[in-house]
Amino acid sequence: MIIRYARSGGQPPPPDREILTIEEDGSFTMWRSIGSAVQPPSPVGRFSGQLNDQNLVSLKAAIEAVNLEGDLVIKLKPGSAVVNIDTGQVKARMGNHDEPDNSWLQLAELLKGLLKQLSKYPEAAMILTVSDDGQKTRLKHLGRRSLQLDLSQLTVRAVLWEGYKKVDDWTLSEGGAKEDDPTTADIGWQMDLPFEHLFEPRDGQSVVAYVTLSIFHEGRFIPVRLTST
């Protein structure tokens, strides 16, 4: 390992759980729990692959700089997600929106960018889409491996936006899409979700879906939140 980035906590539900580990040769593994942790929102689940040469060179240079800076600890603000970075030689602990006045800022921003870029390489992940007319939303499996989903606490929400202004809001009534047993999402799996919001979007308006469920990973079901792309 040359670096490990972990972002946790924040404002639930569910809490952030973004973990990226990169090896000396540029190979990486990543877990994403919160689709809107990057913009535009990305899939959630497991990701793996290889950094390109340019990213790896930039990363190693940023790591070398913080290794010379030494450890960093910034007192956390209430409600902030916690970022922990470990290069194997030095460590940093800070809030997600902190901007330290040293080399750690460049490294932290580089790693946040990789959370977005590397989401293009799903091993086993889920994505949420909304139809062009805003009337349907669908969960889709991405990647080469299956996932176990727990839909027993599934939530579905639709928001009608006009720019940054919320025009209307709808939430699935209790029990509308619950399943007691785990669901296996194999390659190509997809599932339409209840979406009876009755919105009629006009020009300049858009419907965005927000879904929470749980994905089995490392021996337990982990709550995740998807935002439609």
Protein backbone atom coordinates (compact mmCIF):
# COMPACT_ATOMS: atom_id res chain seq x y z
CA MET A 1 0.00 0.00 0.00
CA ILE A 2 1.12 3.55 -0.73
CA ILE A 3 -2.02 5.28 0.53
CA ARG A 4 -5.40 4.73 2.17
CA TYR A 5 -8.19 7.32 2.18
CA ALA A 6 -11.24 6.85 4.41
CA ARG A 7 -14.18 9.23 4.84
CA SER A 8 -16.72 8.34 7.51
CA GLY A 9 -19.53 9.75 9.62
CA GLY A 10 -21.19 13.00 8.65
CA GLN A 11 -24.90 13.66 8.65
CA PRO A 12 -26.88 10.38 8.63
CA PRO A 13 -28.80 8.53 7.44
CA PRO A 14 -26.75 6.75 6.28
CA PRO A 15 -23.28 7.96 7.33
CA ASP A 16 -20.47 8.39 4.83
CA ARG A 17 -18.29 5.36 4.21
CA GLU A 18 -15.91 6.08 1.33
CA ILE A 19 -12.71 3.99 1.34
CA LEU A 20 -9.93 4.02 -1.28
CA THR A 21 -6.73 1.97 -1.05
CA ILE A 22 -3.99 2.31 -3.68
CA GLU A 23 -0.97 0.05 -4.02
CA GLU A 24 2.56 0.92 -5.13
CA ASP A 25 1.89 -0.33 -8.68
CA GLY A 26 -1.26 1.79 -9.02
CA SER A 27 -3.80 -0.98 -8.51
CA PHE A 28 -6.72 0.11 -6.33
CA THR A 29 -9.76 -1.11 -4.46
CA MET A 30 -12.56 1.22 -3.46
CA TRP A 31 -15.85 1.14 -1.57
CA ARG A 32 -18.44 3.87 -2.08
CA SER A 33 -21.56 4.27 0.11
CA ILE A 34 -22.85 7.75 -0.77
CA GLY A 35 -23.45 8.47 -4.45
CA SER A 36 -23.68 12.24 -3.90
CA ALA A 37 -20.26 12.34 -2.21
CA VAL A 38 -19.11 13.39 -5.69
CA GLN A 39 -20.85 15.46 -8.37
CA PRO A 40 -22.48 14.40 -10.53
CA PRO A 41 -23.60 11.51 -8.30
CA SER A 42 -21.86 8.21 -8.93
CA PRO A 43 -22.69 4.52 -8.43
CA VAL A 44 -22.14 2.91 -5.01
CA GLY A 45 -20.58 -0.43 -4.10
CA ARG A 46 -17.21 -2.05 -4.86
CA PHE A 47 -14.72 -0.79 -7.44
CA SER A 48 -11.28 -1.98 -8.52
CA GLY A 49 -8.75 -1.48 -11.27
CA GLN A 50 -5.59 0.39 -12.17
CA LEU A 51 -4.67 4.09 -12.02
CA ASN A 52 -3.35 5.53 -15.25
CA ASP A 53 0.30 6.63 -15.35
CA GLN A 54 -0.52 10.34 -15.07
CA ASN A 55 -2.65 9.90 -11.95
CA LEU A 56 -0.07 7.61 -10.35
CA VAL A 57 2.79 10.05 -10.94
CA SER A 58 0.73 12.95 -9.54
CA LEU A 59 -0.30 10.89 -6.52
CA LYS A 60 3.24 9.80 -5.68
CA ALA A 61 4.46 13.40 -5.90
CA ALA A 62 1.68 14.56 -3.55
CA ILE A 63 2.48 11.73 -1.12
CA GLU A 64 6.18 12.62 -1.12
CA ALA A 65 5.27 16.21 -0.23
CA VAL A 66 3.09 15.28 2.78
CA ASN A 67 5.67 12.78 3.98
CA LEU A 68 7.99 15.78 4.35
CA GLU A 69 5.25 17.83 6.06
CA GLY A 70 4.54 15.25 8.76
CA ASP A 71 1.30 14.27 10.51
CA LEU A 72 -1.74 16.55 10.46
CA VAL A 73 -4.67 16.76 12.91
CA ILE A 74 -7.45 19.36 12.61
CA LYS A 75 -10.16 19.65 15.24
CA LEU A 76 -13.43 18.45 13.78
CA LYS A 77 -16.47 20.70 13.37
CA PRO A 78 -19.78 19.30 14.71
CA GLY A 79 -21.52 17.06 12.19
CA SER A 80 -18.57 16.95 9.80
CA ALA A 81 -17.59 13.76 8.00
CA VAL A 82 -14.12 12.62 9.12
CA VAL A 83 -11.32 12.15 6.60
CA ASN A 84 -8.38 9.90 7.52
CA ILE A 85 -5.40 9.61 5.17
CA ASP A 86 -2.50 7.20 5.76
CA THR A 87 0.57 7.10 3.51
CA GLY A 88 2.33 4.46 5.57
CA GLN A 89 4.75 7.13 6.85
CA VAL A 90 2.46 9.96 7.97
CA LYS A 91 -1.24 10.36 8.75
CA ALA A 92 -3.85 13.10 8.57
CA ARG A 93 -7.23 13.48 10.30
CA MET A 94 -9.51 16.36 9.30
CA GLY A 95 -13.06 17.31 8.42
CA ASN A 96 -14.24 16.73 4.87
CA HIS A 97 -14.47 20.46 4.15
CA ASP A 98 -11.26 21.50 5.93
CA GLU A 99 -8.59 23.15 3.78
CA PRO A 100 -5.19 22.89 5.49
CA ASP A 101 -2.62 25.46 4.40
CA ASN A 102 0.01 22.94 3.35
CA SER A 103 0.65 19.96 1.06
CA TRP A 104 -2.12 17.93 2.69
CA LEU A 105 -4.74 20.04 0.90
CA GLN A 106 -3.39 19.11 -2.54
CA LEU A 107 -3.34 15.42 -1.61
CA ALA A 108 -6.84 15.49 -0.10
CA GLU A 109 -8.27 17.20 -3.20
CA LEU A 110 -6.49 14.75 -5.49
CA LEU A 111 -7.98 11.80 -3.58
CA LYS A 112 -11.49 13.32 -3.66
CA GLY A 113 -11.11 13.59 -7.41
CA LEU A 114 -10.12 9.93 -7.62
CA LEU A 115 -13.30 8.93 -5.76
CA LYS A 116 -15.17 10.31 -8.76
CA GLN A 117 -12.84 9.14 -11.53
CA LEU A 118 -12.44 5.59 -10.25
CA SER A 119 -16.21 5.11 -9.93
CA LYS A 120 -16.01 4.35 -13.66
CA TYR A 121 -14.50 0.96 -12.79
CA PRO A 122 -17.21 -1.01 -10.94
CA GLU A 123 -16.47 -4.49 -9.69
CA ALA A 124 -19.94 -4.88 -8.17
CA ALA A 125 -21.97 -1.68 -7.84
CA MET A 126 -25.44 -0.15 -8.15
CA ILE A 127 -26.58 2.90 -10.09
CA LEU A 128 -29.92 4.75 -9.93
CA THR A 129 -31.50 6.29 -13.03
CA VAL A 130 -34.64 8.30 -13.77
CA SER A 131 -36.43 8.17 -17.13
CA ASP A 132 -36.32 11.22 -19.40
CA ASP A 133 -39.91 12.13 -18.53
CA GLY A 134 -39.18 11.82 -14.79
CA GLN A 135 -41.89 9.21 -14.21
CA LYS A 136 -39.81 6.07 -13.56
CA THR A 137 -36.73 5.25 -11.50
CA ARG A 138 -34.63 2.11 -11.80
CA LEU A 139 -31.84 0.36 -9.89
CA LYS A 140 -29.20 -1.22 -12.13
CA HIS A 141 -26.29 -3.54 -11.39
CA LEU A 142 -22.86 -2.59 -12.75
CA GLY A 143 -19.68 -4.66 -12.88
CA ARG A 144 -18.51 -8.23 -13.19
CA ARG A 145 -19.55 -9.64 -9.80
CA SER A 146 -22.91 -10.07 -8.10
CA LEU A 147 -24.14 -8.21 -5.00
CA GLN A 148 -26.45 -9.12 -2.16
CA LEU A 149 -28.99 -6.38 -1.46
CA ASP A 150 -31.15 -5.90 1.61
CA LEU A 151 -34.32 -4.07 0.55
CA SER A 152 -36.18 -4.57 3.82
CA GLN A 153 -35.54 -0.94 4.83
CA LEU A 154 -35.70 0.49 1.32
CA THR A 155 -36.65 4.17 1.04
CA VAL A 156 -37.55 6.00 -2.16
CA ARG A 157 -37.87 9.76 -2.50
CA ALA A 158 -38.48 12.06 -5.47
CA VAL A 159 -37.79 15.78 -5.55
CA LEU A 160 -38.88 18.14 -8.31
CA TRP A 161 -36.15 20.75 -8.79
CA GLU A 162 -36.05 23.98 -10.74
CA GLY A 163 -32.40 24.87 -10.70
CA TYR A 164 -31.48 24.86 -7.00
CA LYS A 165 -35.06 25.50 -5.88
CA LYS A 166 -37.13 22.60 -4.55
CA VAL A 167 -40.61 22.75 -6.12
CA ASP A 168 -42.16 19.55 -4.74
CA ASP A 169 -41.24 16.51 -2.67
CA TRP A 170 -42.58 12.94 -2.54
CA THR A 171 -41.65 9.95 -0.35
CA LEU A 172 -42.73 6.33 -0.76
CA SER A 173 -45.36 5.42 1.79
CA GLU A 174 -44.42 2.80 4.41
CA GLY A 175 -44.22 -0.75 3.08
CA GLY A 176 -44.40 0.16 -0.59
CA ALA A 177 -41.36 -1.77 -1.83
CA LYS A 178 -40.13 -3.88 1.07
CA GLU A 179 -38.67 -7.37 0.64
CA ASP A 180 -37.90 -9.57 3.63
CA ASP A 181 -35.20 -11.78 2.06
CA PRO A 182 -31.88 -10.57 0.59
CA THR A 183 -31.96 -9.99 -3.17
CA THR A 184 -29.13 -11.15 -5.42
CA ALA A 185 -28.19 -8.61 -8.07
CA ASP A 186 -26.35 -10.57 -10.76
CA ILE A 187 -24.72 -9.16 -13.89
CA GLY A 188 -27.36 -7.26 -15.85
CA TRP A 189 -29.86 -7.17 -12.96
CA GLN A 190 -32.22 -4.21 -12.80
CA MET A 191 -35.35 -3.31 -10.87
CA ASP A 192 -37.98 -0.60 -11.32
CA LEU A 193 -38.99 1.06 -8.05
CA PRO A 194 -42.29 2.61 -6.98
CA PHE A 195 -42.32 6.25 -8.12
CA GLU A 196 -45.90 7.55 -7.94
CA HIS A 197 -45.03 11.19 -7.29
CA LEU A 198 -47.54 12.71 -9.80
CA PHE A 199 -45.10 15.49 -10.73
CA GLU A 200 -45.51 17.07 -14.17
CA PRO A 201 -42.11 18.66 -14.86
CA ARG A 202 -42.10 21.82 -16.99
CA ASP A 203 -39.19 23.17 -19.02
CA GLY A 204 -36.31 23.96 -16.69
CA GLN A 205 -37.46 21.44 -14.07
CA SER A 206 -36.06 17.99 -13.32
CA VAL A 207 -36.98 15.02 -11.14
CA VAL A 208 -34.22 13.54 -8.97
CA ALA A 209 -34.59 10.22 -7.14
CA TYR A 210 -32.99 9.38 -3.78
CA VAL A 211 -32.88 5.76 -2.58
CA THR A 212 -31.43 4.08 0.50
CA LEU A 213 -30.85 0.33 0.91
CA SER A 214 -28.08 -1.96 2.17
CA ILE A 215 -25.36 -3.89 0.32
CA PHE A 216 -23.53 -6.91 1.76
CA HIS A 217 -19.81 -6.19 2.05
CA GLU A 218 -17.06 -7.58 4.30
CA GLY A 219 -19.42 -9.79 6.27
CA ARG A 220 -22.29 -7.39 6.91
CA PHE A 221 -24.96 -5.28 5.24
CA ILE A 222 -23.85 -1.66 4.87
CA PRO A 223 -26.42 1.14 4.39
CA VAL A 224 -25.90 3.11 1.17
CA ARG A 225 -27.59 6.09 -0.45
CA LEU A 226 -28.00 6.52 -4.20
CA THR A 227 -28.90 9.70 -6.04
CA SER A 228 -30.08 9.45 -9.64
CA THR A 229 -27.64 10.41 -12.39
